[in-house]
Amino acid sequence: MNRLTEKVIRLALEEDPEITSKQAREVAEVLKGRSRPVGSAEMGQEAILVSNREAARLLSVSRQTLWRLEKHGVIKPVVLGHAGGHRIKRYALEGLRKLAR
């Protein structure tokens, strides 16, 4: 992770009133490399995460269809945090490739 990304994450943690102190500590542990993000166990150590736009493109579906797949439990995103009232979600590339087969 580059320094700018880390600064953005730390700023979001400080500024978002919905993030609890426990969540902030957990993210800090992940940033320091002492812990793994929630959901990373099933994805493996070297998981590559992609945005919803890229995930939809890889599956050749619209972002609305991607949302429906998520809603019905076909795919499961990794929630990285919250910013501006929105959840920051990414999708495991390997899981998308398996689904696309």
C-alpha atoms as a PDB file:
ATOM      1  CA  MET A   1       0.000   0.000   0.000  1.00  0.00           C
ATOM      2  CA  ASN A   2       1.408   3.380  -0.876  1.00  0.00           C
ATOM      3  CA  ARG A   3       1.664   6.253   1.598  1.00  0.00           C
ATOM      4  CA  LEU A   4      -1.130   8.301   0.038  1.00  0.00           C
ATOM      5  CA  THR A   5      -3.597   5.409   0.332  1.00  0.00           C
ATOM      6  CA  GLU A   6      -2.626   4.894   3.952  1.00  0.00           C
ATOM      7  CA  LYS A   7      -3.084   8.620   4.696  1.00  0.00           C
ATOM      8  CA  VAL A   8      -6.523   8.603   3.066  1.00  0.00           C
ATOM      9  CA  ILE A   9      -7.579   5.595   5.144  1.00  0.00           C
ATOM     10  CA  ARG A  10      -6.288   7.176   8.353  1.00  0.00           C
ATOM     11  CA  LEU A  11      -8.073  10.455   7.562  1.00  0.00           C
ATOM     12  CA  ALA A  12     -11.329   8.602   6.881  1.00  0.00           C
ATOM     13  CA  LEU A  13     -10.970   6.824  10.222  1.00  0.00           C
ATOM     14  CA  GLU A  14     -10.501  10.120  12.036  1.00  0.00           C
ATOM     15  CA  GLU A  15     -13.294  11.997  10.262  1.00  0.00           C
ATOM     16  CA  ASP A  16     -16.082   9.399  10.061  1.00  0.00           C
ATOM     17  CA  PRO A  17     -18.234   9.613  13.216  1.00  0.00           C
ATOM     18  CA  GLU A  18     -19.782   6.185  12.525  1.00  0.00           C
ATOM     19  CA  ILE A  19     -16.471   4.341  12.932  1.00  0.00           C
ATOM     20  CA  THR A  20     -16.088   3.003  16.454  1.00  0.00           C
ATOM     21  CA  SER A  21     -12.797   3.066  18.324  1.00  0.00           C
ATOM     22  CA  LYS A  22     -12.702  -0.745  18.085  1.00  0.00           C
ATOM     23  CA  GLN A  23     -13.041  -0.592  14.291  1.00  0.00           C
ATOM     24  CA  ALA A  24     -10.343   2.084  14.117  1.00  0.00           C
ATOM     25  CA  ARG A  25      -7.972  -0.106  16.185  1.00  0.00           C
ATOM     26  CA  GLU A  26      -8.675  -3.105  13.932  1.00  0.00           C
ATOM     27  CA  VAL A  27      -7.895  -1.082  10.805  1.00  0.00           C
ATOM     28  CA  ALA A  28      -4.719   0.264  12.425  1.00  0.00           C
ATOM     29  CA  GLU A  29      -3.608  -3.320  13.098  1.00  0.00           C
ATOM     30  CA  VAL A  30      -4.234  -4.227   9.459  1.00  0.00           C
ATOM     31  CA  LEU A  31      -2.278  -1.183   8.267  1.00  0.00           C
ATOM     32  CA  LYS A  32       0.640  -2.162  10.500  1.00  0.00           C
ATOM     33  CA  GLY A  33       0.549  -5.699   9.088  1.00  0.00           C
ATOM     34  CA  ARG A  34      -0.302  -7.298  12.432  1.00  0.00           C
ATOM     35  CA  SER A  35      -3.748  -8.487  11.366  1.00  0.00           C
ATOM     36  CA  ARG A  36      -5.611  -9.453   8.206  1.00  0.00           C
ATOM     37  CA  PRO A  37      -8.777  -7.737   6.964  1.00  0.00           C
ATOM     38  CA  VAL A  38     -12.140  -9.348   7.677  1.00  0.00           C
ATOM     39  CA  GLY A  39     -12.954 -11.754   4.878  1.00  0.00           C
ATOM     40  CA  SER A  40      -9.316 -12.244   3.884  1.00  0.00           C
ATOM     41  CA  ALA A  41      -9.133 -15.787   5.275  1.00  0.00           C
ATOM     42  CA  GLU A  42     -11.268 -17.254   2.513  1.00  0.00           C
ATOM     43  CA  MET A  43      -9.600 -15.115  -0.136  1.00  0.00           C
ATOM     44  CA  GLY A  44      -6.028 -16.109   0.630  1.00  0.00           C
ATOM     45  CA  GLN A  45      -2.947 -14.075   1.385  1.00  0.00           C
ATOM     46  CA  GLU A  46      -2.429 -12.577  -2.082  1.00  0.00           C
ATOM     47  CA  ALA A  47      -6.012 -11.598  -2.925  1.00  0.00           C
ATOM     48  CA  ILE A  48      -6.468  -8.915  -5.527  1.00  0.00           C
ATOM     49  CA  LEU A  49      -9.497  -6.721  -4.943  1.00  0.00           C
ATOM     50  CA  VAL A  50     -11.334  -4.843  -7.672  1.00  0.00           C
ATOM     51  CA  SER A  51     -13.997  -2.119  -7.685  1.00  0.00           C
ATOM     52  CA  ASN A  52     -17.641  -2.754  -8.500  1.00  0.00           C
ATOM     53  CA  ARG A  53     -17.157  -1.211 -11.941  1.00  0.00           C
ATOM     54  CA  GLU A  54     -14.260  -3.563 -12.724  1.00  0.00           C
ATOM     55  CA  ALA A  55     -16.115  -6.547 -11.231  1.00  0.00           C
ATOM     56  CA  ALA A  56     -19.153  -5.841 -13.418  1.00  0.00           C
ATOM     57  CA  ARG A  57     -16.917  -5.530 -16.481  1.00  0.00           C
ATOM     58  CA  LEU A  58     -15.178  -8.843 -15.713  1.00  0.00           C
ATOM     59  CA  LEU A  59     -18.545 -10.602 -15.375  1.00  0.00           C
ATOM     60  CA  SER A  60     -20.030  -8.764 -18.399  1.00  0.00           C
ATOM     61  CA  VAL A  61     -22.952  -7.493 -16.348  1.00  0.00           C
ATOM     62  CA  SER A  62     -24.190  -4.073 -15.244  1.00  0.00           C
ATOM     63  CA  ARG A  63     -23.352  -2.691 -11.805  1.00  0.00           C
ATOM     64  CA  GLN A  64     -27.036  -3.105 -10.932  1.00  0.00           C
ATOM     65  CA  THR A  65     -26.818  -6.823 -11.755  1.00  0.00           C
ATOM     66  CA  LEU A  66     -23.647  -7.040  -9.670  1.00  0.00           C
ATOM     67  CA  TRP A  67     -25.600  -5.531  -6.767  1.00  0.00           C
ATOM     68  CA  ARG A  68     -28.374  -8.122  -7.287  1.00  0.00           C
ATOM     69  CA  LEU A  69     -25.814 -10.942  -7.282  1.00  0.00           C
ATOM     70  CA  GLU A  70     -24.487  -9.595  -3.996  1.00  0.00           C
ATOM     71  CA  LYS A  71     -27.993  -9.242  -2.542  1.00  0.00           C
ATOM     72  CA  HIS A  72     -28.789 -12.877  -3.393  1.00  0.00           C
ATOM     73  CA  GLY A  73     -25.527 -14.148  -1.925  1.00  0.00           C
ATOM     74  CA  VAL A  74     -23.934 -15.201  -5.205  1.00  0.00           C
ATOM     75  CA  ILE A  75     -20.925 -12.966  -4.574  1.00  0.00           C
ATOM     76  CA  LYS A  76     -19.625 -11.471  -1.348  1.00  0.00           C
ATOM     77  CA  PRO A  77     -17.713  -8.191  -1.280  1.00  0.00           C
ATOM     78  CA  VAL A  78     -15.047  -7.215   1.201  1.00  0.00           C
ATOM     79  CA  VAL A  79     -16.082  -4.048   3.055  1.00  0.00           C
ATOM     80  CA  LEU A  80     -12.980  -1.924   3.536  1.00  0.00           C
ATOM     81  CA  GLY A  81     -14.661   0.891   5.435  1.00  0.00           C
ATOM     82  CA  HIS A  82     -17.037   3.804   5.125  1.00  0.00           C
ATOM     83  CA  ALA A  83     -16.577   7.194   3.485  1.00  0.00           C
ATOM     84  CA  GLY A  84     -19.097   9.929   2.871  1.00  0.00           C
ATOM     85  CA  GLY A  85     -22.014   7.765   3.972  1.00  0.00           C
ATOM     86  CA  HIS A  86     -21.096   4.960   1.575  1.00  0.00           C
ATOM     87  CA  ARG A  87     -19.492   1.591   2.200  1.00  0.00           C
ATOM     88  CA  ILE A  88     -16.190   1.056   0.439  1.00  0.00           C
ATOM     89  CA  LYS A  89     -16.502  -2.421  -1.074  1.00  0.00           C
ATOM     90  CA  ARG A  90     -14.212  -4.442  -3.269  1.00  0.00           C
ATOM     91  CA  TYR A  91     -14.528  -7.874  -4.832  1.00  0.00           C
ATOM     92  CA  ALA A  92     -11.947 -10.663  -4.856  1.00  0.00           C
ATOM     93  CA  LEU A  93     -10.656 -11.120  -8.390  1.00  0.00           C
ATOM     94  CA  GLU A  94     -10.220 -14.881  -7.988  1.00  0.00           C
ATOM     95  CA  GLY A  95     -13.842 -15.318  -6.863  1.00  0.00           C
ATOM     96  CA  LEU A  96     -15.047 -13.319  -9.856  1.00  0.00           C
ATOM     97  CA  ARG A  97     -12.967 -15.446 -12.221  1.00  0.00           C
ATOM     98  CA  LYS A  98     -14.498 -18.626 -10.764  1.00  0.00           C
ATOM     99  CA  LEU A  99     -17.987 -17.200 -11.165  1.00  0.00           C
ATOM    100  CA  ALA A 100     -17.309 -16.154 -14.760  1.00  0.00           C
ATOM    101  CA  ARG A 101     -16.352 -19.701 -15.815  1.00  0.00           C
END
